[in-house]
Amino acid sequence: MRTNIEIDDDLMAAAMAAGGFKTKKEAVEEGLRLVRRRKVYEGLLALRGQLQWDDSDEGWASARAEESRTPAVQEPTSSWAERPRAAAAKKSKPSPAGKTAASGRSQRK
């Protein structure tokens, strides 16, 4: 997305030097990633003390067994249904008596 913004030159120069960025775009994009990442971390920290963790060998074995039962990647179902060939063939019947679809339309120039 193309956006024009005013950024303090000293701040940009400091950020580019600190991060070793070659372009302003790289510096801005990394800053945006950092903000997004921080929000995710805050959500994880909010769960502190609410999650149960089983670090025993039996816990890992049962997790692996459960993981092997479920597919690794689930393909989303399509939002459109494919048309059966018979229905497609029915719709593309030739016109009667040699008439073409264009002959019924008025020609504008």
PDB file of N, CA and C in Angstrom:
ATOM      1  N   MET A   1       0.850  -1.158   0.000  1.00  0.00           N
ATOM      2  CA  MET A   1       0.000   0.000   0.000  1.00  0.00           C
ATOM      3  C   MET A   1       0.906   1.234   0.000  1.00  0.00           C
ATOM      4  N   ARG A   2       0.631   2.129  -0.854  1.00  0.00           N
ATOM      5  CA  ARG A   2       1.427   3.344  -0.952  1.00  0.00           C
ATOM      6  C   ARG A   2       0.855   4.373   0.013  1.00  0.00           C
ATOM      7  N   THR A   3       1.737   4.929   0.861  1.00  0.00           N
ATOM      8  CA  THR A   3       1.321   5.903   1.859  1.00  0.00           C
ATOM      9  C   THR A   3       2.391   6.976   1.997  1.00  0.00           C
ATOM     10  N   ASN A   4       1.980   8.202   2.075  1.00  0.00           N
ATOM     11  CA  ASN A   4       2.907   9.302   2.320  1.00  0.00           C
ATOM     12  C   ASN A   4       2.726   9.763   3.751  1.00  0.00           C
ATOM     13  N   ILE A   5       3.823   9.720   4.525  1.00  0.00           N
ATOM     14  CA  ILE A   5       3.771  10.162   5.911  1.00  0.00           C
ATOM     15  C   ILE A   5       5.010  11.000   6.222  1.00  0.00           C
ATOM     16  N   GLU A   6       4.871  11.859   7.199  1.00  0.00           N
ATOM     17  CA  GLU A   6       6.004  12.674   7.641  1.00  0.00           C
ATOM     18  C   GLU A   6       6.637  11.975   8.825  1.00  0.00           C
ATOM     19  N   ILE A   7       7.928  11.662   8.722  1.00  0.00           N
ATOM     20  CA  ILE A   7       8.662  11.003   9.796  1.00  0.00           C
ATOM     21  C   ILE A   7       9.844  11.880  10.168  1.00  0.00           C
ATOM     22  N   ASP A   8      10.085  12.019  11.446  1.00  0.00           N
ATOM     23  CA  ASP A   8      11.209  12.795  11.944  1.00  0.00           C
ATOM     24  C   ASP A   8      12.507  12.221  11.361  1.00  0.00           C
ATOM     25  N   ASP A   9      13.311  13.057  10.711  1.00  0.00           N
ATOM     26  CA  ASP A   9      14.535  12.612  10.049  1.00  0.00           C
ATOM     27  C   ASP A   9      15.530  11.998  11.028  1.00  0.00           C
ATOM     28  N   ASP A  10      15.674  12.611  12.208  1.00  0.00           N
ATOM     29  CA  ASP A  10      16.618  12.087  13.195  1.00  0.00           C
ATOM     30  C   ASP A  10      16.173  10.718  13.705  1.00  0.00           C
ATOM     31  N   LEU A  11      14.872  10.570  13.934  1.00  0.00           N
ATOM     32  CA  LEU A  11      14.336   9.292  14.400  1.00  0.00           C
ATOM     33  C   LEU A  11      14.537   8.206  13.340  1.00  0.00           C
ATOM     34  N   MET A  12      14.281   8.553  12.080  1.00  0.00           N
ATOM     35  CA  MET A  12      14.456   7.584  11.005  1.00  0.00           C
ATOM     36  C   MET A  12      15.920   7.184  10.871  1.00  0.00           C
ATOM     37  N   ALA A  13      16.811   8.161  10.939  1.00  0.00           N
ATOM     38  CA  ALA A  13      18.242   7.863  10.823  1.00  0.00           C
ATOM     39  C   ALA A  13      18.702   6.968  11.977  1.00  0.00           C
ATOM     40  N   ALA A  14      18.214   7.239  13.191  1.00  0.00           N
ATOM     41  CA  ALA A  14      18.583   6.424  14.348  1.00  0.00           C
ATOM     42  C   ALA A  14      18.051   4.999  14.213  1.00  0.00           C
ATOM     43  N   ALA A  15      16.815   4.865  13.733  1.00  0.00           N
ATOM     44  CA  ALA A  15      16.215   3.534  13.556  1.00  0.00           C
ATOM     45  C   ALA A  15      16.947   2.748  12.470  1.00  0.00           C
ATOM     46  N   MET A  16      17.299   3.418  11.386  1.00  0.00           N
ATOM     47  CA  MET A  16      18.008   2.734  10.302  1.00  0.00           C
ATOM     48  C   MET A  16      19.395   2.283  10.755  1.00  0.00           C
ATOM     49  N   ALA A  17      20.059   3.120  11.549  1.00  0.00           N
ATOM     50  CA  ALA A  17      21.390   2.756  12.042  1.00  0.00           C
ATOM     51  C   ALA A  17      21.301   1.619  13.063  1.00  0.00           C
ATOM     52  N   ALA A  18      20.320   1.692  13.952  1.00  0.00           N
ATOM     53  CA  ALA A  18      20.176   0.672  14.994  1.00  0.00           C
ATOM     54  C   ALA A  18      19.810  -0.685  14.405  1.00  0.00           C
ATOM     55  N   GLY A  19      18.980  -0.686  13.379  1.00  0.00           N
ATOM     56  CA  GLY A  19      18.541  -1.949  12.792  1.00  0.00           C
ATOM     57  C   GLY A  19      19.368  -2.398  11.610  1.00  0.00           C
ATOM     58  N   GLY A  20      20.261  -1.541  11.148  1.00  0.00           N
ATOM     59  CA  GLY A  20      21.066  -1.902   9.983  1.00  0.00           C
ATOM     60  C   GLY A  20      20.251  -1.956   8.699  1.00  0.00           C
ATOM     61  N   PHE A  21      19.227  -1.126   8.614  1.00  0.00           N
ATOM     62  CA  PHE A  21      18.363  -1.119   7.435  1.00  0.00           C
ATOM     63  C   PHE A  21      18.991  -0.280   6.331  1.00  0.00           C
ATOM     64  N   LYS A  22      18.789  -0.705   5.093  1.00  0.00           N
ATOM     65  CA  LYS A  22      19.324   0.031   3.939  1.00  0.00           C
ATOM     66  C   LYS A  22      18.335   1.055   3.413  1.00  0.00           C
ATOM     67  N   THR A  23      17.039   0.787   3.613  1.00  0.00           N
ATOM     68  CA  THR A  23      16.023   1.702   3.100  1.00  0.00           C
ATOM     69  C   THR A  23      15.054   2.094   4.214  1.00  0.00           C
ATOM     70  N   LYS A  24      14.383   3.205   3.991  1.00  0.00           N
ATOM     71  CA  LYS A  24      13.375   3.656   4.955  1.00  0.00           C
ATOM     72  C   LYS A  24      12.215   2.677   5.009  1.00  0.00           C
ATOM     73  N   LYS A  25      11.890   2.114   3.859  1.00  0.00           N
ATOM     74  CA  LYS A  25      10.784   1.156   3.801  1.00  0.00           C
ATOM     75  C   LYS A  25      11.066  -0.040   4.706  1.00  0.00           C
ATOM     76  N   GLU A  26      12.296  -0.572   4.661  1.00  0.00           N
ATOM     77  CA  GLU A  26      12.650  -1.696   5.522  1.00  0.00           C
ATOM     78  C   GLU A  26      12.482  -1.332   6.992  1.00  0.00           C
ATOM     79  N   ALA A  27      12.907  -0.130   7.361  1.00  0.00           N
ATOM     80  CA  ALA A  27      12.821   0.306   8.754  1.00  0.00           C
ATOM     81  C   ALA A  27      11.364   0.421   9.198  1.00  0.00           C
ATOM     82  N   VAL A  28      10.534   1.017   8.368  1.00  0.00           N
ATOM     83  CA  VAL A  28       9.121   1.200   8.724  1.00  0.00           C
ATOM     84  C   VAL A  28       8.416  -0.150   8.809  1.00  0.00           C
ATOM     85  N   GLU A  29       8.659  -1.042   7.847  1.00  0.00           N
ATOM     86  CA  GLU A  29       8.006  -2.350   7.866  1.00  0.00           C
ATOM     87  C   GLU A  29       8.417  -3.157   9.089  1.00  0.00           C
ATOM     88  N   GLU A  30       9.690  -3.101   9.465  1.00  0.00           N
ATOM     89  CA  GLU A  30      10.130  -3.831  10.653  1.00  0.00           C
ATOM     90  C   GLU A  30       9.496  -3.244  11.912  1.00  0.00           C
ATOM     91  N   GLY A  31       9.334  -1.934  11.955  1.00  0.00           N
ATOM     92  CA  GLY A  31       8.651  -1.307  13.082  1.00  0.00           C
ATOM     93  C   GLY A  31       7.211  -1.760  13.191  1.00  0.00           C
ATOM     94  N   LEU A  32       6.533  -1.888  12.052  1.00  0.00           N
ATOM     95  CA  LEU A  32       5.149  -2.363  12.064  1.00  0.00           C
ATOM     96  C   LEU A  32       5.077  -3.819  12.512  1.00  0.00           C
ATOM     97  N   ARG A  33       6.022  -4.642  12.065  1.00  0.00           N
ATOM     98  CA  ARG A  33       6.065  -6.040  12.512  1.00  0.00           C
ATOM     99  C   ARG A  33       6.273  -6.112  14.028  1.00  0.00           C
ATOM    100  N   LEU A  34       7.126  -5.234  14.545  1.00  0.00           N
ATOM    101  CA  LEU A  34       7.399  -5.218  15.971  1.00  0.00           C
ATOM    102  C   LEU A  34       6.141  -4.885  16.776  1.00  0.00           C
ATOM    103  N   VAL A  35       5.360  -3.936  16.301  1.00  0.00           N
ATOM    104  CA  VAL A  35       4.111  -3.577  16.987  1.00  0.00           C
ATOM    105  C   VAL A  35       3.150  -4.754  16.972  1.00  0.00           C
ATOM    106  N   ARG A  36       3.038  -5.424  15.828  1.00  0.00           N
ATOM    107  CA  ARG A  36       2.139  -6.582  15.727  1.00  0.00           C
ATOM    108  C   ARG A  36       2.605  -7.703  16.659  1.00  0.00           C
ATOM    109  N   ARG A  37       3.907  -7.978  16.673  1.00  0.00           N
ATOM    110  CA  ARG A  37       4.469  -9.031  17.510  1.00  0.00           C
ATOM    111  C   ARG A  37       4.239  -8.725  18.993  1.00  0.00           C
ATOM    112  N   ARG A  38       4.388  -7.476  19.381  1.00  0.00           N
ATOM    113  CA  ARG A  38       4.196  -7.085  20.777  1.00  0.00           C
ATOM    114  C   ARG A  38       2.762  -7.371  21.214  1.00  0.00           C
ATOM    115  N   LYS A  39       1.801  -7.126  20.332  1.00  0.00           N
ATOM    116  CA  LYS A  39       0.392  -7.381  20.660  1.00  0.00           C
ATOM    117  C   LYS A  39       0.154  -8.877  20.884  1.00  0.00           C
ATOM    118  N   VAL A  40       0.786  -9.720  20.070  1.00  0.00           N
ATOM    119  CA  VAL A  40       0.652 -11.168  20.245  1.00  0.00           C
ATOM    120  C   VAL A  40       1.260 -11.593  21.578  1.00  0.00           C
ATOM    121  N   TYR A  41       2.428 -11.058  21.906  1.00  0.00           N
ATOM    122  CA  TYR A  41       3.059 -11.387  23.182  1.00  0.00           C
ATOM    123  C   TYR A  41       2.189 -10.980  24.362  1.00  0.00           C
ATOM    124  N   GLU A  42       1.552  -9.829  24.261  1.00  0.00           N
ATOM    125  CA  GLU A  42       0.663  -9.390  25.342  1.00  0.00           C
ATOM    126  C   GLU A  42      -0.473 -10.386  25.540  1.00  0.00           C
ATOM    127  N   GLY A  43      -0.995 -10.919  24.445  1.00  0.00           N
ATOM    128  CA  GLY A  43      -2.056 -11.925  24.535  1.00  0.00           C
ATOM    129  C   GLY A  43      -1.563 -13.203  25.192  1.00  0.00           C
ATOM    130  N   LEU A  44      -0.334 -13.597  24.873  1.00  0.00           N
ATOM    131  CA  LEU A  44       0.229 -14.796  25.500  1.00  0.00           C
ATOM    132  C   LEU A  44       0.474 -14.577  26.990  1.00  0.00           C
ATOM    133  N   LEU A  45       0.982 -13.402  27.326  1.00  0.00           N
ATOM    134  CA  LEU A  45       1.224 -13.108  28.737  1.00  0.00           C
ATOM    135  C   LEU A  45      -0.079 -13.071  29.541  1.00  0.00           C
ATOM    136  N   ALA A  46      -1.161 -12.684  28.903  1.00  0.00           N
ATOM    137  CA  ALA A  46      -2.456 -12.651  29.584  1.00  0.00           C
ATOM    138  C   ALA A  46      -2.912 -14.062  29.964  1.00  0.00           C
ATOM    139  N   LEU A  47      -2.393 -15.077  29.285  1.00  0.00           N
ATOM    140  CA  LEU A  47      -2.754 -16.465  29.581  1.00  0.00           C
ATOM    141  C   LEU A  47      -1.891 -17.076  30.681  1.00  0.00           C
ATOM    142  N   ARG A  48      -0.942 -16.303  31.204  1.00  0.00           N
ATOM    143  CA  ARG A  48      -0.026 -16.829  32.229  1.00  0.00           C
ATOM    144  C   ARG A  48      -0.821 -17.413  33.402  1.00  0.00           C
ATOM    145  N   GLY A  49      -0.471 -18.667  33.743  1.00  0.00           N
ATOM    146  CA  GLY A  49      -1.130 -19.348  34.861  1.00  0.00           C
ATOM    147  C   GLY A  49      -2.424 -20.035  34.481  1.00  0.00           C
ATOM    148  N   GLN A  50      -2.896 -19.858  33.265  1.00  0.00           N
ATOM    149  CA  GLN A  50      -4.174 -20.451  32.861  1.00  0.00           C
ATOM    150  C   GLN A  50      -3.986 -21.701  32.005  1.00  0.00           C
ATOM    151  N   LEU A  51      -2.768 -21.956  31.532  1.00  0.00           N
ATOM    152  CA  LEU A  51      -2.509 -23.110  30.677  1.00  0.00           C
ATOM    153  C   LEU A  51      -1.868 -24.226  31.494  1.00  0.00           C
ATOM    154  N   GLN A  52      -2.205 -25.456  31.177  1.00  0.00           N
ATOM    155  CA  GLN A  52      -1.610 -26.614  31.832  1.00  0.00           C
ATOM    156  C   GLN A  52      -0.559 -27.204  30.899  1.00  0.00           C
ATOM    157  N   TRP A  53       0.627 -27.457  31.425  1.00  0.00           N
ATOM    158  CA  TRP A  53       1.721 -27.972  30.603  1.00  0.00           C
ATOM    159  C   TRP A  53       2.197 -29.289  31.200  1.00  0.00           C
ATOM    160  N   ASP A  54       2.158 -30.332  30.384  1.00  0.00           N
ATOM    161  CA  ASP A  54       2.626 -31.649  30.823  1.00  0.00           C
ATOM    162  C   ASP A  54       3.927 -31.924  30.093  1.00  0.00           C
ATOM    163  N   ASP A  55       5.043 -31.840  30.808  1.00  0.00           N
ATOM    164  CA  ASP A  55       6.354 -32.005  30.190  1.00  0.00           C
ATOM    165  C   ASP A  55       6.897 -33.419  30.379  1.00  0.00           C
ATOM    166  N   SER A  56       6.059 -34.328  30.820  1.00  0.00           N
ATOM    167  CA  SER A  56       6.515 -35.700  31.029  1.00  0.00           C
ATOM    168  C   SER A  56       6.606 -36.434  29.699  1.00  0.00           C
ATOM    169  N   ASP A  57       7.321 -37.558  29.693  1.00  0.00           N
ATOM    170  CA  ASP A  57       7.448 -38.357  28.474  1.00  0.00           C
ATOM    171  C   ASP A  57       6.088 -38.879  28.013  1.00  0.00           C
ATOM    172  N   GLU A  58       5.237 -39.234  28.964  1.00  0.00           N
ATOM    173  CA  GLU A  58       3.907 -39.731  28.607  1.00  0.00           C
ATOM    174  C   GLU A  58       3.073 -38.628  27.949  1.00  0.00           C
ATOM    175  N   GLY A  59       3.234 -37.424  28.450  1.00  0.00           N
ATOM    176  CA  GLY A  59       2.513 -36.287  27.856  1.00  0.00           C
ATOM    177  C   GLY A  59       2.932 -36.037  26.418  1.00  0.00           C
ATOM    178  N   TRP A  60       4.244 -36.095  26.167  1.00  0.00           N
ATOM    179  CA  TRP A  60       4.733 -35.901  24.798  1.00  0.00           C
ATOM    180  C   TRP A  60       4.305 -37.044  23.887  1.00  0.00           C
ATOM    181  N   ALA A  61       4.316 -38.272  24.397  1.00  0.00           N
ATOM    182  CA  ALA A  61       3.904 -39.424  23.594  1.00  0.00           C
ATOM    183  C   ALA A  61       2.439 -39.310  23.203  1.00  0.00           C
ATOM    184  N   SER A  62       1.595 -38.897  24.141  1.00  0.00           N
ATOM    185  CA  SER A  62       0.170 -38.775  23.801  1.00  0.00           C
ATOM    186  C   SER A  62      -0.057 -37.615  22.838  1.00  0.00           C
ATOM    187  N   ALA A  63       0.728 -36.543  22.966  1.00  0.00           N
ATOM    188  CA  ALA A  63       0.593 -35.415  22.030  1.00  0.00           C
ATOM    189  C   ALA A  63       0.995 -35.841  20.627  1.00  0.00           C
ATOM    190  N   ARG A  64       2.076 -36.626  20.515  1.00  0.00           N
ATOM    191  CA  ARG A  64       2.500 -37.110  19.190  1.00  0.00           C
ATOM    192  C   ARG A  64       1.453 -38.045  18.584  1.00  0.00           C
ATOM    193  N   ALA A  65       0.883 -38.916  19.422  1.00  0.00           N
ATOM    194  CA  ALA A  65      -0.143 -39.838  18.927  1.00  0.00           C
ATOM    195  C   ALA A  65      -1.363 -39.077  18.438  1.00  0.00           C
ATOM    196  N   GLU A  66      -1.760 -38.057  19.173  1.00  0.00           N
ATOM    197  CA  GLU A  66      -2.912 -37.239  18.774  1.00  0.00           C
ATOM    198  C   GLU A  66      -2.608 -36.477  17.488  1.00  0.00           C
ATOM    199  N   GLU A  67      -1.383 -35.984  17.373  1.00  0.00           N
ATOM    200  CA  GLU A  67      -0.978 -35.224  16.186  1.00  0.00           C
ATOM    201  C   GLU A  67      -0.969 -36.114  14.941  1.00  0.00           C
ATOM    202  N   SER A  68      -0.562 -37.373  15.097  1.00  0.00           N
ATOM    203  CA  SER A  68      -0.501 -38.271  13.945  1.00  0.00           C
ATOM    204  C   SER A  68      -1.898 -38.670  13.459  1.00  0.00           C
ATOM    205  N   ARG A  69      -2.902 -38.581  14.350  1.00  0.00           N
ATOM    206  CA  ARG A  69      -4.271 -38.909  13.937  1.00  0.00           C
ATOM    207  C   ARG A  69      -4.920 -37.796  13.136  1.00  0.00           C
ATOM    208  N   THR A  70      -4.495 -36.582  13.352  1.00  0.00           N
ATOM    209  CA  THR A  70      -5.093 -35.454  12.642  1.00  0.00           C
ATOM    210  C   THR A  70      -4.206 -35.066  11.468  1.00  0.00           C
ATOM    211  N   PRO A  71      -4.796 -34.696  10.340  1.00  0.00           N
ATOM    212  CA  PRO A  71      -3.986 -34.282   9.196  1.00  0.00           C
ATOM    213  C   PRO A  71      -3.221 -32.995   9.506  1.00  0.00           C
ATOM    214  N   ALA A  72      -2.016 -32.908   8.957  1.00  0.00           N
ATOM    215  CA  ALA A  72      -1.168 -31.745   9.212  1.00  0.00           C
ATOM    216  C   ALA A  72      -1.730 -30.495   8.557  1.00  0.00           C
ATOM    217  N   VAL A  73      -2.293 -30.648   7.363  1.00  0.00           N
ATOM    218  CA  VAL A  73      -2.823 -29.499   6.633  1.00  0.00           C
ATOM    219  C   VAL A  73      -4.262 -29.796   6.264  1.00  0.00           C
ATOM    220  N   GLN A  74      -5.125 -28.871   6.576  1.00  0.00           N
ATOM    221  CA  GLN A  74      -6.520 -29.041   6.204  1.00  0.00           C
ATOM    222  C   GLN A  74      -6.838 -28.052   5.105  1.00  0.00           C
ATOM    223  N   GLU A  75      -7.199 -28.563   3.952  1.00  0.00           N
ATOM    224  CA  GLU A  75      -7.554 -27.710   2.829  1.00  0.00           C
ATOM    225  C   GLU A  75      -8.937 -27.122   3.065  1.00  0.00           C
ATOM    226  N   PRO A  76      -9.101 -25.849   2.810  1.00  0.00           N
ATOM    227  CA  PRO A  76     -10.428 -25.250   2.981  1.00  0.00           C
ATOM    228  C   PRO A  76     -11.385 -25.773   1.913  1.00  0.00           C
ATOM    229  N   THR A  77     -12.634 -25.876   2.276  1.00  0.00           N
ATOM    230  CA  THR A  77     -13.621 -26.299   1.290  1.00  0.00           C
ATOM    231  C   THR A  77     -13.903 -25.129   0.367  1.00  0.00           C
ATOM    232  N   SER A  78     -14.160 -25.440  -0.877  1.00  0.00           N
ATOM    233  CA  SER A  78     -14.387 -24.368  -1.844  1.00  0.00           C
ATOM    234  C   SER A  78     -15.747 -23.738  -1.609  1.00  0.00           C
ATOM    235  N   SER A  79     -15.837 -22.446  -1.871  1.00  0.00           N
ATOM    236  CA  SER A  79     -17.098 -21.746  -1.690  1.00  0.00           C
ATOM    237  C   SER A  79     -17.976 -21.868  -2.931  1.00  0.00           C
ATOM    238  N   TRP A  80     -17.443 -22.458  -3.974  1.00  0.00           N
ATOM    239  CA  TRP A  80     -18.208 -22.642  -5.195  1.00  0.00           C
ATOM    240  C   TRP A  80     -18.205 -24.121  -5.515  1.00  0.00           C
ATOM    241  N   ALA A  81     -19.284 -24.576  -6.081  1.00  0.00           N
ATOM    242  CA  ALA A  81     -19.383 -25.982  -6.456  1.00  0.00           C
ATOM    243  C   ALA A  81     -19.079 -26.121  -7.943  1.00  0.00           C
ATOM    244  N   GLU A  82     -18.341 -27.170  -8.275  1.00  0.00           N
ATOM    245  CA  GLU A  82     -18.048 -27.383  -9.687  1.00  0.00           C
ATOM    246  C   GLU A  82     -19.304 -27.873 -10.389  1.00  0.00           C
ATOM    247  N   ARG A  83     -19.487 -27.384 -11.597  1.00  0.00           N
ATOM    248  CA  ARG A  83     -20.642 -27.779 -12.388  1.00  0.00           C
ATOM    249  C   ARG A  83     -20.399 -29.168 -12.982  1.00  0.00           C
ATOM    250  N   PRO A  84     -21.360 -30.071 -12.883  1.00  0.00           N
ATOM    251  CA  PRO A  84     -21.194 -31.368 -13.539  1.00  0.00           C
ATOM    252  C   PRO A  84     -21.120 -31.187 -15.049  1.00  0.00           C
ATOM    253  N   ARG A  85     -20.416 -32.083 -15.716  1.00  0.00           N
ATOM    254  CA  ARG A  85     -20.240 -31.974 -17.169  1.00  0.00           C
ATOM    255  C   ARG A  85     -21.564 -32.044 -17.914  1.00  0.00           C
ATOM    256  N   ALA A  86     -22.501 -32.833 -17.440  1.00  0.00           N
ATOM    257  CA  ALA A  86     -23.785 -32.957 -18.128  1.00  0.00           C
ATOM    258  C   ALA A  86     -24.523 -31.621 -18.133  1.00  0.00           C
ATOM    259  N   ALA A  87     -24.489 -30.928 -17.015  1.00  0.00           N
ATOM    260  CA  ALA A  87     -25.163 -29.630 -16.940  1.00  0.00           C
ATOM    261  C   ALA A  87     -24.454 -28.617 -17.825  1.00  0.00           C
ATOM    262  N   ALA A  88     -23.148 -28.685 -17.887  1.00  0.00           N
ATOM    263  CA  ALA A  88     -22.389 -27.756 -18.719  1.00  0.00           C
ATOM    264  C   ALA A  88     -22.664 -28.021 -20.198  1.00  0.00           C
ATOM    265  N   ALA A  89     -22.771 -29.290 -20.561  1.00  0.00           N
ATOM    266  CA  ALA A  89     -23.039 -29.642 -21.956  1.00  0.00           C
ATOM    267  C   ALA A  89     -24.444 -29.209 -22.360  1.00  0.00           C
ATOM    268  N   LYS A  90     -25.400 -29.314 -21.428  1.00  0.00           N
ATOM    269  CA  LYS A  90     -26.784 -28.938 -21.713  1.00  0.00           C
ATOM    270  C   LYS A  90     -26.880 -27.438 -22.001  1.00  0.00           C
ATOM    271  N   LYS A  91     -26.111 -26.643 -21.256  1.00  0.00           N
ATOM    272  CA  LYS A  91     -26.161 -25.193 -21.440  1.00  0.00           C
ATOM    273  C   LYS A  91     -25.487 -24.750 -22.726  1.00  0.00           C
ATOM    274  N   SER A  92     -24.571 -25.544 -23.257  1.00  0.00           N
ATOM    275  CA  SER A  92     -23.855 -25.119 -24.454  1.00  0.00           C
ATOM    276  C   SER A  92     -24.378 -25.808 -25.714  1.00  0.00           C
ATOM    277  N   LYS A  93     -25.708 -26.044 -25.789  1.00  0.00           N
ATOM    278  CA  LYS A  93     -26.308 -26.645 -26.978  1.00  0.00           C
ATOM    279  C   LYS A  93     -26.191 -25.687 -28.153  1.00  0.00           C
ATOM    280  N   PRO A  94     -26.021 -26.219 -29.365  1.00  0.00           N
ATOM    281  CA  PRO A  94     -25.996 -25.335 -30.540  1.00  0.00           C
ATOM    282  C   PRO A  94     -27.376 -24.720 -30.780  1.00  0.00           C
ATOM    283  N   SER A  95     -27.399 -23.530 -31.379  1.00  0.00           N
ATOM    284  CA  SER A  95     -28.654 -22.827 -31.657  1.00  0.00           C
ATOM    285  C   SER A  95     -29.432 -23.540 -32.760  1.00  0.00           C
ATOM    286  N   PRO A  96     -30.764 -23.503 -32.680  1.00  0.00           N
ATOM    287  CA  PRO A  96     -31.566 -24.166 -33.721  1.00  0.00           C
ATOM    288  C   PRO A  96     -31.498 -23.421 -35.054  1.00  0.00           C
ATOM    289  N   ALA A  97     -31.614 -24.145 -36.110  1.00  0.00           N
ATOM    290  CA  ALA A  97     -31.696 -23.630 -37.483  1.00  0.00           C
ATOM    291  C   ALA A  97     -30.501 -22.753 -37.858  1.00  0.00           C
ATOM    292  N   GLY A  98     -29.339 -23.061 -37.347  1.00  0.00           N
ATOM    293  CA  GLY A  98     -28.129 -22.358 -37.753  1.00  0.00           C
ATOM    294  C   GLY A  98     -28.015 -20.928 -37.274  1.00  0.00           C
ATOM    295  N   LYS A  99     -28.902 -20.476 -36.379  1.00  0.00           N
ATOM    296  CA  LYS A  99     -28.823 -19.112 -35.873  1.00  0.00           C
ATOM    297  C   LYS A  99     -27.672 -19.030 -34.873  1.00  0.00           C
ATOM    298  N   THR A 100     -26.981 -17.952 -34.917  1.00  0.00           N
ATOM    299  CA  THR A 100     -25.900 -17.749 -33.947  1.00  0.00           C
ATOM    300  C   THR A 100     -26.378 -16.766 -32.903  1.00  0.00           C
ATOM    301  N   ALA A 101     -25.700 -16.730 -31.806  1.00  0.00           N
ATOM    302  CA  ALA A 101     -26.086 -15.827 -30.718  1.00  0.00           C
ATOM    303  C   ALA A 101     -25.933 -14.384 -31.159  1.00  0.00           C
ATOM    304  N   ALA A 102     -24.985 -14.085 -32.018  1.00  0.00           N
ATOM    305  CA  ALA A 102     -24.751 -12.717 -32.448  1.00  0.00           C
ATOM    306  C   ALA A 102     -25.819 -12.239 -33.425  1.00  0.00           C
ATOM    307  N   SER A 103     -26.487 -13.168 -34.149  1.00  0.00           N
ATOM    308  CA  SER A 103     -27.456 -12.736 -35.161  1.00  0.00           C
ATOM    309  C   SER A 103     -28.700 -12.143 -34.518  1.00  0.00           C
ATOM    310  N   GLY A 104     -29.000 -12.502 -33.268  1.00  0.00           N
ATOM    311  CA  GLY A 104     -30.170 -11.965 -32.606  1.00  0.00           C
ATOM    312  C   GLY A 104     -29.911 -10.581 -32.009  1.00  0.00           C
ATOM    313  N   ARG A 105     -28.684 -10.182 -31.936  1.00  0.00           N
ATOM    314  CA  ARG A 105     -28.339  -8.879 -31.316  1.00  0.00           C
ATOM    315  C   ARG A 105     -28.276  -7.813 -32.378  1.00  0.00           C
ATOM    316  N   SER A 106     -28.554  -6.597 -31.950  1.00  0.00           N
ATOM    317  CA  SER A 106     -28.426  -5.485 -32.898  1.00  0.00           C
ATOM    318  C   SER A 106     -26.973  -5.074 -32.961  1.00  0.00           C
ATOM    319  N   GLN A 107     -26.528  -4.720 -34.124  1.00  0.00           N
ATOM    320  CA  GLN A 107     -25.140  -4.326 -34.337  1.00  0.00           C
ATOM    321  C   GLN A 107     -25.053  -2.810 -34.278  1.00  0.00           C
ATOM    322  N   ARG A 108     -24.255  -2.269 -33.373  1.00  0.00           N
ATOM    323  CA  ARG A 108     -24.056  -0.808 -33.273  1.00  0.00           C
ATOM    324  C   ARG A 108     -22.684  -0.483 -33.777  1.00  0.00           C
ATOM    325  N   LYS A 109     -22.605   0.645 -34.447  1.00  0.00           N
ATOM    326  CA  LYS A 109     -21.303   1.087 -34.943  1.00  0.00           C
ATOM    327  C   LYS A 109     -21.041   2.504 -34.563  1.00  0.00           C
TER     328      LYS A 109
END
